[in-house]
N, C-alpha and C. Protein backbone atom coordinates (compact mmCIF):
# COMPACT_ATOMS: atom_id res chain seq x y z
N MET A 1 -25.57 23.14 9.95
CA MET A 1 -24.33 22.40 10.01
C MET A 1 -23.73 22.37 8.60
N SER A 2 -22.45 22.62 8.47
CA SER A 2 -21.79 22.66 7.17
C SER A 2 -21.53 21.25 6.66
N ILE A 3 -21.39 21.12 5.35
CA ILE A 3 -21.13 19.82 4.73
C ILE A 3 -19.86 19.18 5.27
N PRO A 4 -18.72 19.93 5.39
CA PRO A 4 -17.53 19.29 5.96
C PRO A 4 -17.77 18.74 7.37
N ARG A 5 -18.59 19.41 8.18
CA ARG A 5 -18.89 18.91 9.52
C ARG A 5 -19.72 17.62 9.44
N ILE A 6 -20.65 17.55 8.47
CA ILE A 6 -21.44 16.34 8.29
C ILE A 6 -20.52 15.19 7.89
N ILE A 7 -19.62 15.45 6.97
CA ILE A 7 -18.67 14.43 6.52
C ILE A 7 -17.81 14.00 7.69
N LEU A 8 -17.35 14.97 8.46
CA LEU A 8 -16.54 14.68 9.63
C LEU A 8 -17.32 13.79 10.59
N GLY A 9 -18.59 14.10 10.80
CA GLY A 9 -19.43 13.28 11.68
C GLY A 9 -19.51 11.85 11.20
N LEU A 10 -19.69 11.66 9.89
CA LEU A 10 -19.74 10.33 9.31
C LEU A 10 -18.42 9.62 9.53
N ALA A 11 -17.31 10.32 9.34
CA ALA A 11 -16.00 9.72 9.52
C ALA A 11 -15.81 9.29 10.97
N VAL A 12 -16.25 10.10 11.91
CA VAL A 12 -16.11 9.77 13.33
C VAL A 12 -16.97 8.57 13.67
N ILE A 13 -18.20 8.51 13.14
CA ILE A 13 -19.09 7.38 13.40
C ILE A 13 -18.47 6.10 12.88
N ILE A 14 -17.98 6.13 11.64
CA ILE A 14 -17.38 4.94 11.06
C ILE A 14 -16.13 4.56 11.83
N GLY A 15 -15.30 5.53 12.14
CA GLY A 15 -14.07 5.25 12.88
C GLY A 15 -14.34 4.69 14.26
N SER A 16 -15.32 5.27 14.98
CA SER A 16 -15.58 4.81 16.34
C SER A 16 -16.26 3.46 16.35
N ALA A 17 -17.02 3.15 15.32
CA ALA A 17 -17.68 1.86 15.26
C ALA A 17 -16.70 0.76 14.90
N CYS A 18 -15.53 1.13 14.50
CA CYS A 18 -14.63 0.16 13.91
C CYS A 18 -13.22 0.23 14.47
N THR A 19 -13.03 0.79 15.66
CA THR A 19 -11.67 0.96 16.17
C THR A 19 -11.16 -0.33 16.79
N GLN A 20 -9.89 -0.63 16.52
CA GLN A 20 -9.18 -1.75 17.11
C GLN A 20 -7.73 -1.35 17.22
N SER A 21 -7.01 -2.05 18.07
CA SER A 21 -5.60 -1.75 18.25
C SER A 21 -4.83 -2.01 16.96
N ASP A 22 -3.86 -1.12 16.64
CA ASP A 22 -3.03 -1.28 15.44
C ASP A 22 -2.32 -2.62 15.39
N SER A 23 -1.98 -3.16 16.54
CA SER A 23 -1.23 -4.41 16.55
C SER A 23 -2.09 -5.60 16.18
N ASN A 24 -3.39 -5.42 16.02
CA ASN A 24 -4.28 -6.53 15.73
C ASN A 24 -4.64 -6.66 14.26
N VAL A 25 -3.92 -5.98 13.38
CA VAL A 25 -4.21 -6.07 11.95
C VAL A 25 -3.05 -6.77 11.27
N GLU A 26 -3.36 -7.79 10.52
CA GLU A 26 -2.34 -8.46 9.75
C GLU A 26 -2.88 -8.72 8.36
N PHE A 27 -2.00 -9.01 7.44
CA PHE A 27 -2.41 -9.27 6.08
C PHE A 27 -2.17 -10.73 5.76
N ARG A 28 -3.21 -11.38 5.21
CA ARG A 28 -3.11 -12.78 4.82
C ARG A 28 -3.76 -12.95 3.47
N GLY A 29 -3.00 -13.33 2.48
CA GLY A 29 -3.57 -13.63 1.17
C GLY A 29 -4.37 -12.47 0.63
N GLU A 30 -5.65 -12.70 0.40
CA GLU A 30 -6.49 -11.69 -0.23
C GLU A 30 -7.14 -10.73 0.75
N GLU A 31 -7.09 -11.02 2.03
CA GLU A 31 -7.80 -10.16 2.97
C GLU A 31 -6.91 -9.78 4.14
N HIS A 32 -7.22 -8.63 4.73
CA HIS A 32 -6.57 -8.28 5.98
C HIS A 32 -7.42 -8.87 7.08
N VAL A 33 -6.82 -9.20 8.17
CA VAL A 33 -7.53 -9.86 9.26
C VAL A 33 -7.36 -9.00 10.50
N THR A 34 -8.46 -8.79 11.21
CA THR A 34 -8.38 -8.08 12.48
C THR A 34 -8.83 -9.04 13.57
N SER A 35 -8.16 -8.99 14.69
CA SER A 35 -8.58 -9.81 15.81
C SER A 35 -9.18 -8.90 16.86
N ASP A 36 -10.14 -9.40 17.59
CA ASP A 36 -10.83 -8.59 18.58
C ASP A 36 -10.23 -8.85 19.95
N SER A 37 -9.32 -7.98 20.35
CA SER A 37 -8.69 -8.14 21.66
C SER A 37 -9.41 -7.32 22.73
N GLY A 38 -10.38 -6.54 22.28
CA GLY A 38 -11.04 -5.67 23.23
C GLY A 38 -10.38 -4.31 23.35
N ASP A 39 -9.14 -4.20 22.84
CA ASP A 39 -8.44 -2.91 22.88
C ASP A 39 -9.01 -1.99 21.82
N THR A 40 -9.24 -0.76 22.17
CA THR A 40 -9.70 0.21 21.19
C THR A 40 -8.87 1.46 21.29
N ASP A 41 -8.74 2.13 20.17
CA ASP A 41 -8.05 3.40 20.13
C ASP A 41 -9.09 4.49 19.99
N LYS A 42 -8.78 5.65 20.48
CA LYS A 42 -9.69 6.78 20.38
C LYS A 42 -9.76 7.27 18.94
N THR A 43 -10.96 7.51 18.46
CA THR A 43 -11.15 8.04 17.12
C THR A 43 -11.08 9.55 17.16
N THR A 44 -10.30 10.10 16.24
CA THR A 44 -10.22 11.54 16.15
C THR A 44 -10.76 11.97 14.81
N GLY A 45 -11.25 13.17 14.74
CA GLY A 45 -11.79 13.66 13.50
C GLY A 45 -11.67 15.16 13.40
N ASP A 46 -10.59 15.69 13.95
CA ASP A 46 -10.42 17.14 13.92
C ASP A 46 -10.22 17.63 12.50
N GLU A 47 -10.88 18.71 12.16
CA GLU A 47 -10.68 19.33 10.86
C GLU A 47 -9.49 20.28 10.93
N HIS A 48 -8.80 20.40 9.81
CA HIS A 48 -7.72 21.37 9.71
C HIS A 48 -8.27 22.66 9.13
N ASP A 49 -7.83 23.78 9.64
CA ASP A 49 -8.16 25.05 9.01
C ASP A 49 -7.12 25.28 7.94
N THR A 50 -7.55 25.42 6.71
CA THR A 50 -6.61 25.63 5.63
C THR A 50 -7.26 26.48 4.55
N ASP A 51 -6.47 27.32 3.92
CA ASP A 51 -7.01 28.12 2.84
C ASP A 51 -7.01 27.35 1.53
N LYS A 52 -6.58 26.08 1.55
CA LYS A 52 -6.55 25.28 0.34
C LYS A 52 -7.89 24.59 0.08
N THR A 53 -8.82 24.68 1.01
CA THR A 53 -10.14 24.08 0.81
C THR A 53 -11.19 25.17 0.82
N THR A 54 -12.21 25.00 0.00
CA THR A 54 -13.24 26.01 -0.08
C THR A 54 -14.45 25.69 0.76
N GLY A 55 -14.70 24.41 0.96
CA GLY A 55 -15.89 24.02 1.70
C GLY A 55 -17.15 24.12 0.87
N ASP A 56 -17.06 24.66 -0.34
CA ASP A 56 -18.24 24.78 -1.18
C ASP A 56 -18.58 23.44 -1.80
N VAL A 57 -19.86 23.08 -1.73
CA VAL A 57 -20.32 21.85 -2.34
C VAL A 57 -21.55 22.20 -3.17
N GLY A 58 -21.70 21.57 -4.30
CA GLY A 58 -22.85 21.83 -5.16
C GLY A 58 -22.41 22.39 -6.49
N THR A 59 -23.38 22.76 -7.30
CA THR A 59 -23.06 23.35 -8.60
C THR A 59 -23.43 24.81 -8.59
N SER A 60 -22.78 25.56 -9.46
CA SER A 60 -23.05 26.98 -9.55
C SER A 60 -24.35 27.21 -10.32
N ASP A 61 -24.81 28.45 -10.35
CA ASP A 61 -26.03 28.79 -11.08
C ASP A 61 -25.89 28.52 -12.58
N THR A 62 -24.67 28.46 -13.07
CA THR A 62 -24.44 28.21 -14.50
C THR A 62 -24.40 26.72 -14.80
N GLY A 63 -24.53 25.87 -13.79
CA GLY A 63 -24.48 24.43 -13.98
C GLY A 63 -23.07 23.87 -13.96
N GLU A 64 -22.07 24.71 -13.76
CA GLU A 64 -20.69 24.24 -13.69
C GLU A 64 -20.41 23.64 -12.32
N HIS A 65 -19.53 22.67 -12.31
CA HIS A 65 -19.17 22.02 -11.05
C HIS A 65 -18.27 22.91 -10.22
N LYS A 66 -18.44 22.83 -8.92
CA LYS A 66 -17.56 23.51 -7.98
C LYS A 66 -16.51 22.52 -7.51
N GLY A 67 -15.35 23.03 -7.22
CA GLY A 67 -14.29 22.18 -6.71
C GLY A 67 -13.70 21.28 -7.78
N CYS A 68 -12.80 20.41 -7.34
CA CYS A 68 -12.18 19.45 -8.24
C CYS A 68 -11.78 18.23 -7.42
N ALA A 69 -11.46 17.15 -8.11
CA ALA A 69 -11.14 15.89 -7.44
C ALA A 69 -9.67 15.55 -7.59
N ARG A 70 -9.15 14.87 -6.58
CA ARG A 70 -7.76 14.41 -6.59
C ARG A 70 -7.74 12.91 -6.31
N THR A 71 -6.71 12.25 -6.79
CA THR A 71 -6.59 10.80 -6.65
C THR A 71 -6.15 10.40 -5.25
N GLN A 72 -6.32 9.12 -4.96
CA GLN A 72 -5.84 8.62 -3.67
C GLN A 72 -4.32 8.74 -3.58
N GLY A 73 -3.63 8.66 -4.72
CA GLY A 73 -2.19 8.86 -4.73
C GLY A 73 -1.79 10.26 -4.31
N TYR A 74 -2.59 11.24 -4.72
CA TYR A 74 -2.32 12.63 -4.30
C TYR A 74 -2.47 12.74 -2.78
N TRP A 75 -3.60 12.26 -2.24
CA TRP A 75 -3.84 12.41 -0.80
C TRP A 75 -2.79 11.64 0.01
N LYS A 76 -2.35 10.50 -0.48
CA LYS A 76 -1.33 9.72 0.22
C LYS A 76 -0.02 10.49 0.32
N ASN A 77 0.28 11.28 -0.69
CA ASN A 77 1.56 11.98 -0.77
C ASN A 77 1.51 13.46 -0.41
N HIS A 78 0.35 13.97 -0.04
CA HIS A 78 0.21 15.37 0.37
C HIS A 78 -0.56 15.40 1.68
N ASN A 79 0.15 15.58 2.77
CA ASN A 79 -0.45 15.57 4.10
C ASN A 79 0.51 16.23 5.08
N ILE A 80 0.06 16.41 6.30
CA ILE A 80 0.88 17.13 7.29
C ILE A 80 2.14 16.38 7.70
N TYR A 81 2.23 15.09 7.39
CA TYR A 81 3.39 14.31 7.80
C TYR A 81 4.50 14.26 6.75
N GLU A 82 4.27 14.82 5.59
CA GLU A 82 5.29 14.81 4.55
C GLU A 82 6.45 15.73 4.96
N THR A 83 7.65 15.39 4.56
CA THR A 83 8.81 16.19 4.91
C THR A 83 9.12 17.26 3.87
N ASN A 84 8.68 17.09 2.66
CA ASN A 84 8.86 18.08 1.61
C ASN A 84 7.81 19.18 1.80
N ASN A 85 8.23 20.42 1.95
CA ASN A 85 7.30 21.52 2.20
C ASN A 85 6.21 21.63 1.15
N ASN A 86 6.53 21.31 -0.11
CA ASN A 86 5.53 21.38 -1.18
C ASN A 86 4.43 20.33 -1.03
N GLN A 87 4.69 19.29 -0.26
CA GLN A 87 3.71 18.23 -0.06
C GLN A 87 3.08 18.28 1.33
N MET A 88 3.55 19.18 2.19
CA MET A 88 3.04 19.29 3.54
C MET A 88 1.77 20.14 3.53
N ILE A 89 0.70 19.54 3.02
CA ILE A 89 -0.58 20.22 2.86
C ILE A 89 -1.60 19.50 3.74
N PRO A 90 -2.17 20.16 4.72
CA PRO A 90 -3.13 19.48 5.60
C PRO A 90 -4.38 19.05 4.85
N TRP A 91 -4.90 17.92 5.24
CA TRP A 91 -6.15 17.42 4.70
C TRP A 91 -7.32 18.23 5.25
N PRO A 92 -8.46 18.22 4.58
CA PRO A 92 -9.64 18.89 5.11
C PRO A 92 -10.28 18.13 6.27
N ILE A 93 -9.92 16.86 6.42
CA ILE A 93 -10.29 16.02 7.56
C ILE A 93 -8.98 15.50 8.11
N SER A 94 -8.83 15.44 9.41
CA SER A 94 -7.55 15.07 10.02
C SER A 94 -6.97 13.78 9.45
N GLU A 95 -5.68 13.80 9.20
CA GLU A 95 -4.95 12.62 8.77
C GLU A 95 -5.01 11.51 9.81
N ASP A 96 -5.31 11.88 11.04
CA ASP A 96 -5.37 10.91 12.13
C ASP A 96 -6.77 10.34 12.37
N THR A 97 -7.72 10.68 11.50
CA THR A 97 -9.05 10.07 11.58
C THR A 97 -8.88 8.57 11.37
N GLU A 98 -9.59 7.79 12.13
CA GLU A 98 -9.39 6.34 12.09
C GLU A 98 -10.51 5.59 11.39
N LEU A 99 -10.11 4.49 10.82
CA LEU A 99 -11.01 3.49 10.24
C LEU A 99 -10.50 2.15 10.72
N CYS A 100 -11.29 1.45 11.48
CA CYS A 100 -10.92 0.12 11.97
C CYS A 100 -9.59 0.11 12.73
N GLY A 101 -9.38 1.11 13.56
CA GLY A 101 -8.22 1.14 14.43
C GLY A 101 -6.93 1.65 13.80
N ARG A 102 -6.99 2.04 12.55
CA ARG A 102 -5.82 2.59 11.85
C ARG A 102 -6.23 3.93 11.25
N THR A 103 -5.25 4.80 11.05
CA THR A 103 -5.56 6.11 10.49
C THR A 103 -5.86 5.99 9.01
N TRP A 104 -6.58 7.00 8.50
CA TRP A 104 -6.86 7.03 7.07
C TRP A 104 -5.55 7.03 6.29
N LEU A 105 -4.54 7.75 6.78
CA LEU A 105 -3.26 7.79 6.08
C LEU A 105 -2.60 6.40 6.05
N TYR A 106 -2.73 5.65 7.13
CA TYR A 106 -2.22 4.28 7.14
C TYR A 106 -2.87 3.47 6.01
N TRP A 107 -4.20 3.55 5.93
CA TRP A 107 -4.90 2.75 4.91
C TRP A 107 -4.50 3.18 3.50
N LEU A 108 -4.30 4.47 3.27
CA LEU A 108 -3.87 4.91 1.94
C LEU A 108 -2.50 4.34 1.58
N ASN A 109 -1.67 4.10 2.57
CA ASN A 109 -0.33 3.56 2.33
C ASN A 109 -0.29 2.03 2.36
N ALA A 110 -1.38 1.40 2.77
CA ALA A 110 -1.42 -0.07 2.84
C ALA A 110 -1.59 -0.65 1.43
N PRO A 111 -0.69 -1.55 1.02
CA PRO A 111 -0.83 -2.15 -0.31
C PRO A 111 -1.99 -3.16 -0.31
N PRO A 112 -2.73 -3.19 -1.40
CA PRO A 112 -3.85 -4.15 -1.48
C PRO A 112 -3.35 -5.55 -1.83
N ARG A 113 -2.65 -6.15 -0.92
CA ARG A 113 -2.04 -7.46 -1.15
C ARG A 113 -3.09 -8.48 -1.56
N GLY A 114 -2.78 -9.18 -2.61
CA GLY A 114 -3.69 -10.23 -3.08
C GLY A 114 -5.04 -9.71 -3.51
N GLY A 115 -5.12 -8.43 -3.84
CA GLY A 115 -6.41 -7.88 -4.26
C GLY A 115 -7.40 -7.69 -3.11
N ASP A 116 -6.90 -7.39 -1.93
CA ASP A 116 -7.74 -7.19 -0.73
C ASP A 116 -8.81 -6.14 -1.01
N ALA A 117 -10.06 -6.56 -1.09
CA ALA A 117 -11.17 -5.68 -1.43
C ALA A 117 -11.36 -4.58 -0.39
N PHE A 118 -11.10 -4.87 0.87
CA PHE A 118 -11.24 -3.85 1.91
C PHE A 118 -10.29 -2.69 1.64
N ILE A 119 -9.04 -3.00 1.36
CA ILE A 119 -8.03 -1.95 1.14
C ILE A 119 -8.30 -1.21 -0.17
N ILE A 120 -8.67 -1.94 -1.21
CA ILE A 120 -8.99 -1.30 -2.49
C ILE A 120 -10.12 -0.30 -2.31
N LEU A 121 -11.19 -0.71 -1.62
CA LEU A 121 -12.32 0.18 -1.37
C LEU A 121 -11.91 1.32 -0.44
N ALA A 122 -11.15 1.02 0.61
CA ALA A 122 -10.73 2.06 1.56
C ALA A 122 -9.93 3.15 0.85
N HIS A 123 -9.01 2.77 -0.03
CA HIS A 123 -8.21 3.76 -0.78
C HIS A 123 -9.12 4.77 -1.48
N GLN A 124 -10.07 4.26 -2.24
CA GLN A 124 -10.92 5.15 -3.05
C GLN A 124 -11.95 5.88 -2.20
N TRP A 125 -12.48 5.22 -1.18
CA TRP A 125 -13.48 5.84 -0.30
C TRP A 125 -12.87 7.01 0.47
N ILE A 126 -11.67 6.80 1.03
CA ILE A 126 -11.00 7.87 1.78
C ILE A 126 -10.71 9.05 0.87
N ALA A 127 -10.18 8.78 -0.33
CA ALA A 127 -9.89 9.86 -1.27
C ALA A 127 -11.16 10.62 -1.64
N ALA A 128 -12.25 9.90 -1.88
CA ALA A 128 -13.52 10.56 -2.23
C ALA A 128 -14.05 11.39 -1.07
N MET A 129 -13.92 10.89 0.15
CA MET A 129 -14.35 11.65 1.33
C MET A 129 -13.53 12.93 1.45
N LEU A 130 -12.23 12.85 1.20
CA LEU A 130 -11.37 14.03 1.27
C LEU A 130 -11.70 15.00 0.14
N ASN A 131 -11.99 14.49 -1.03
CA ASN A 131 -12.39 15.36 -2.14
C ASN A 131 -13.69 16.08 -1.82
N GLN A 132 -14.65 15.36 -1.27
CA GLN A 132 -15.92 15.98 -0.90
C GLN A 132 -15.71 17.05 0.16
N ALA A 133 -14.89 16.75 1.16
CA ALA A 133 -14.61 17.71 2.22
C ALA A 133 -13.85 18.93 1.70
N SER A 134 -13.14 18.76 0.58
CA SER A 134 -12.38 19.86 -0.03
C SER A 134 -13.27 20.74 -0.90
N GLY A 135 -14.52 20.36 -1.09
CA GLY A 135 -15.44 21.19 -1.85
C GLY A 135 -15.79 20.67 -3.23
N ALA A 136 -15.38 19.45 -3.56
CA ALA A 136 -15.71 18.89 -4.87
C ALA A 136 -17.19 18.48 -4.90
N ASP A 137 -17.85 18.81 -6.02
CA ASP A 137 -19.22 18.35 -6.23
C ASP A 137 -19.25 16.83 -6.15
N VAL A 138 -20.28 16.31 -5.53
CA VAL A 138 -20.43 14.86 -5.44
C VAL A 138 -21.77 14.49 -6.09
N PRO A 139 -21.72 13.89 -7.29
CA PRO A 139 -22.96 13.46 -7.93
C PRO A 139 -23.67 12.40 -7.10
N THR A 140 -24.95 12.22 -7.33
CA THR A 140 -25.76 11.26 -6.57
C THR A 140 -25.15 9.86 -6.62
N GLU A 141 -24.68 9.43 -7.78
CA GLU A 141 -24.09 8.10 -7.93
C GLU A 141 -22.87 7.94 -7.02
N VAL A 142 -22.09 9.00 -6.89
CA VAL A 142 -20.89 8.96 -6.04
C VAL A 142 -21.31 8.99 -4.57
N GLN A 143 -22.30 9.80 -4.23
CA GLN A 143 -22.76 9.84 -2.83
C GLN A 143 -23.29 8.48 -2.42
N ASP A 144 -24.04 7.83 -3.33
CA ASP A 144 -24.53 6.47 -3.04
C ASP A 144 -23.36 5.52 -2.81
N ALA A 145 -22.31 5.62 -3.65
CA ALA A 145 -21.13 4.76 -3.49
C ALA A 145 -20.42 5.05 -2.17
N LEU A 146 -20.36 6.32 -1.77
CA LEU A 146 -19.76 6.68 -0.48
C LEU A 146 -20.55 6.07 0.67
N ASP A 147 -21.87 6.18 0.60
CA ASP A 147 -22.72 5.65 1.67
C ASP A 147 -22.61 4.12 1.75
N GLU A 148 -22.73 3.45 0.59
CA GLU A 148 -22.65 1.98 0.57
C GLU A 148 -21.25 1.50 0.93
N GLY A 149 -20.23 2.19 0.42
CA GLY A 149 -18.85 1.82 0.74
C GLY A 149 -18.56 2.00 2.21
N GLY A 150 -19.04 3.10 2.79
CA GLY A 150 -18.85 3.33 4.22
C GLY A 150 -19.49 2.24 5.06
N ALA A 151 -20.66 1.78 4.64
CA ALA A 151 -21.33 0.70 5.36
C ALA A 151 -20.53 -0.60 5.30
N LEU A 152 -19.97 -0.90 4.12
CA LEU A 152 -19.14 -2.10 3.99
C LEU A 152 -17.86 -1.98 4.81
N LEU A 153 -17.22 -0.84 4.76
CA LEU A 153 -15.97 -0.64 5.51
C LEU A 153 -16.20 -0.65 7.02
N ASN A 154 -17.40 -0.30 7.43
CA ASN A 154 -17.75 -0.27 8.84
C ASN A 154 -17.57 -1.64 9.50
N ASP A 155 -17.66 -2.71 8.70
CA ASP A 155 -17.49 -4.06 9.25
C ASP A 155 -16.02 -4.44 9.43
N CYS A 156 -15.11 -3.60 8.94
CA CYS A 156 -13.66 -3.82 9.07
C CYS A 156 -13.16 -5.04 8.30
N THR A 157 -13.97 -5.58 7.44
CA THR A 157 -13.59 -6.66 6.55
C THR A 157 -14.64 -6.71 5.44
N ILE A 158 -14.27 -7.27 4.32
CA ILE A 158 -15.23 -7.45 3.24
C ILE A 158 -15.49 -8.95 3.11
N ALA A 159 -16.72 -9.35 3.35
CA ALA A 159 -17.09 -10.76 3.22
C ALA A 159 -16.96 -11.18 1.77
N ALA A 160 -16.69 -12.45 1.55
CA ALA A 160 -16.48 -12.96 0.20
C ALA A 160 -17.67 -12.65 -0.71
N GLU A 161 -18.87 -12.73 -0.16
CA GLU A 161 -20.07 -12.46 -0.97
C GLU A 161 -20.25 -10.98 -1.30
N ASP A 162 -19.51 -10.10 -0.61
CA ASP A 162 -19.59 -8.66 -0.87
C ASP A 162 -18.41 -8.13 -1.68
N ARG A 163 -17.48 -9.01 -2.05
CA ARG A 163 -16.26 -8.56 -2.73
C ARG A 163 -16.56 -7.85 -4.05
N ASP A 164 -17.41 -8.44 -4.89
CA ASP A 164 -17.71 -7.83 -6.19
C ASP A 164 -18.34 -6.45 -6.01
N GLU A 165 -19.25 -6.34 -5.05
CA GLU A 165 -19.89 -5.04 -4.78
C GLU A 165 -18.85 -4.02 -4.32
N ALA A 166 -17.94 -4.44 -3.44
CA ALA A 166 -16.90 -3.53 -2.95
C ALA A 166 -16.01 -3.04 -4.09
N ILE A 167 -15.64 -3.94 -4.99
CA ILE A 167 -14.79 -3.56 -6.12
C ILE A 167 -15.54 -2.62 -7.06
N ASP A 168 -16.83 -2.89 -7.29
CA ASP A 168 -17.65 -1.99 -8.13
C ASP A 168 -17.74 -0.60 -7.52
N LEU A 169 -17.96 -0.54 -6.21
CA LEU A 169 -18.02 0.76 -5.52
C LEU A 169 -16.67 1.48 -5.61
N ALA A 170 -15.58 0.73 -5.44
CA ALA A 170 -14.24 1.33 -5.55
C ALA A 170 -14.01 1.87 -6.95
N ASP A 171 -14.50 1.16 -7.97
CA ASP A 171 -14.35 1.63 -9.35
C ASP A 171 -15.10 2.94 -9.57
N THR A 172 -16.32 3.04 -9.04
CA THR A 172 -17.10 4.27 -9.15
C THR A 172 -16.38 5.42 -8.47
N LEU A 173 -15.88 5.18 -7.27
CA LEU A 173 -15.17 6.22 -6.52
C LEU A 173 -13.85 6.57 -7.19
N ASP A 174 -13.19 5.60 -7.79
CA ASP A 174 -11.94 5.86 -8.52
C ASP A 174 -12.22 6.77 -9.72
N ASP A 175 -13.32 6.52 -10.42
CA ASP A 175 -13.70 7.40 -11.54
C ASP A 175 -13.91 8.83 -11.04
N PHE A 176 -14.60 8.97 -9.91
CA PHE A 176 -14.82 10.29 -9.33
C PHE A 176 -13.49 10.94 -8.95
N ASN A 177 -12.63 10.19 -8.26
CA ASN A 177 -11.35 10.73 -7.80
C ASN A 177 -10.44 11.13 -8.95
N ASN A 178 -10.61 10.51 -10.10
CA ASN A 178 -9.80 10.83 -11.28
C ASN A 178 -10.46 11.86 -12.18
N GLY A 179 -11.58 12.44 -11.74
CA GLY A 179 -12.24 13.48 -12.52
C GLY A 179 -13.03 12.97 -13.71
N LEU A 180 -13.38 11.69 -13.70
CA LEU A 180 -14.11 11.09 -14.82
C LEU A 180 -15.61 10.99 -14.57
N LEU A 181 -16.04 11.32 -13.35
CA LEU A 181 -17.45 11.20 -13.00
C LEU A 181 -17.88 12.44 -12.23
N GLY A 182 -18.53 13.36 -12.93
CA GLY A 182 -19.03 14.57 -12.28
C GLY A 182 -17.99 15.66 -12.21
N THR A 183 -17.27 15.72 -11.13
CA THR A 183 -16.31 16.79 -10.86
C THR A 183 -15.02 16.56 -11.65
N PRO A 184 -14.47 17.60 -12.28
CA PRO A 184 -13.22 17.43 -13.01
C PRO A 184 -12.03 17.22 -12.08
N SER A 185 -10.96 16.69 -12.63
CA SER A 185 -9.72 16.50 -11.89
C SER A 185 -9.07 17.85 -11.61
N CYS A 186 -8.43 17.98 -10.46
CA CYS A 186 -7.70 19.20 -10.13
C CYS A 186 -6.50 19.38 -11.05
N ASP A 187 -5.94 18.28 -11.50
CA ASP A 187 -4.76 18.34 -12.35
C ASP A 187 -4.81 17.15 -13.29
N ALA A 188 -5.10 17.39 -14.54
CA ALA A 188 -5.23 16.30 -15.52
C ALA A 188 -3.95 15.50 -15.65
N ASP A 189 -2.81 16.10 -15.30
CA ASP A 189 -1.53 15.40 -15.43
C ASP A 189 -1.18 14.60 -14.18
N GLU A 190 -2.00 14.72 -13.15
CA GLU A 190 -1.72 14.03 -11.88
C GLU A 190 -1.90 12.54 -12.06
N GLY A 191 -0.91 11.77 -11.62
CA GLY A 191 -0.98 10.31 -11.76
C GLY A 191 -1.62 9.67 -10.54
N ASP A 192 -1.94 8.41 -10.66
CA ASP A 192 -2.52 7.65 -9.57
C ASP A 192 -1.91 6.26 -9.60
N ASP A 193 -1.59 5.74 -8.43
CA ASP A 193 -1.10 4.37 -8.41
C ASP A 193 -2.30 3.47 -8.21
N ASP A 194 -2.79 2.95 -9.31
CA ASP A 194 -4.02 2.16 -9.31
C ASP A 194 -3.89 0.94 -8.45
N ASP A 195 -5.03 0.54 -7.91
CA ASP A 195 -5.08 -0.69 -7.12
C ASP A 195 -5.29 -1.82 -8.08
């Protein structure tokens, strides 16, 4: 099984464990709130075929990193739904993959109102997952942050006692996404709208 398929499987598991109707998410103060109406949406995780991703993961025989990392701002603004042809670049994992009843693209566009730890972590976790699926090397520290972050996001909320951990994980993933941890940035001049 290829690494992108493994990542896709993880995304589907997290999405299916956490699906809720879009109408049941609201933002209040520091946290987003989901209500359990029993309604669920189908989780999708189709991969896009694109020549913009290599699928290679790991380091070369020379010890150099394979792939490169992009920020959550890049992924938010480069996807199949953009109207500008230069930004209409399919993700290596479907833009319609869901997390807690909303698409990954929705979460990337959701503002972290009041410092919402769930949204802050989701922004960086989604970007890191897309970078990994695009072929960027993922150091052990980043893989651990992806695993732990995915487990926290799986609950569809961040408990008050887990907020500091979620922010720390988001910081680690943000460093990775900006090319500061392991894999270099795809474009050193690329900006990011920090959370």
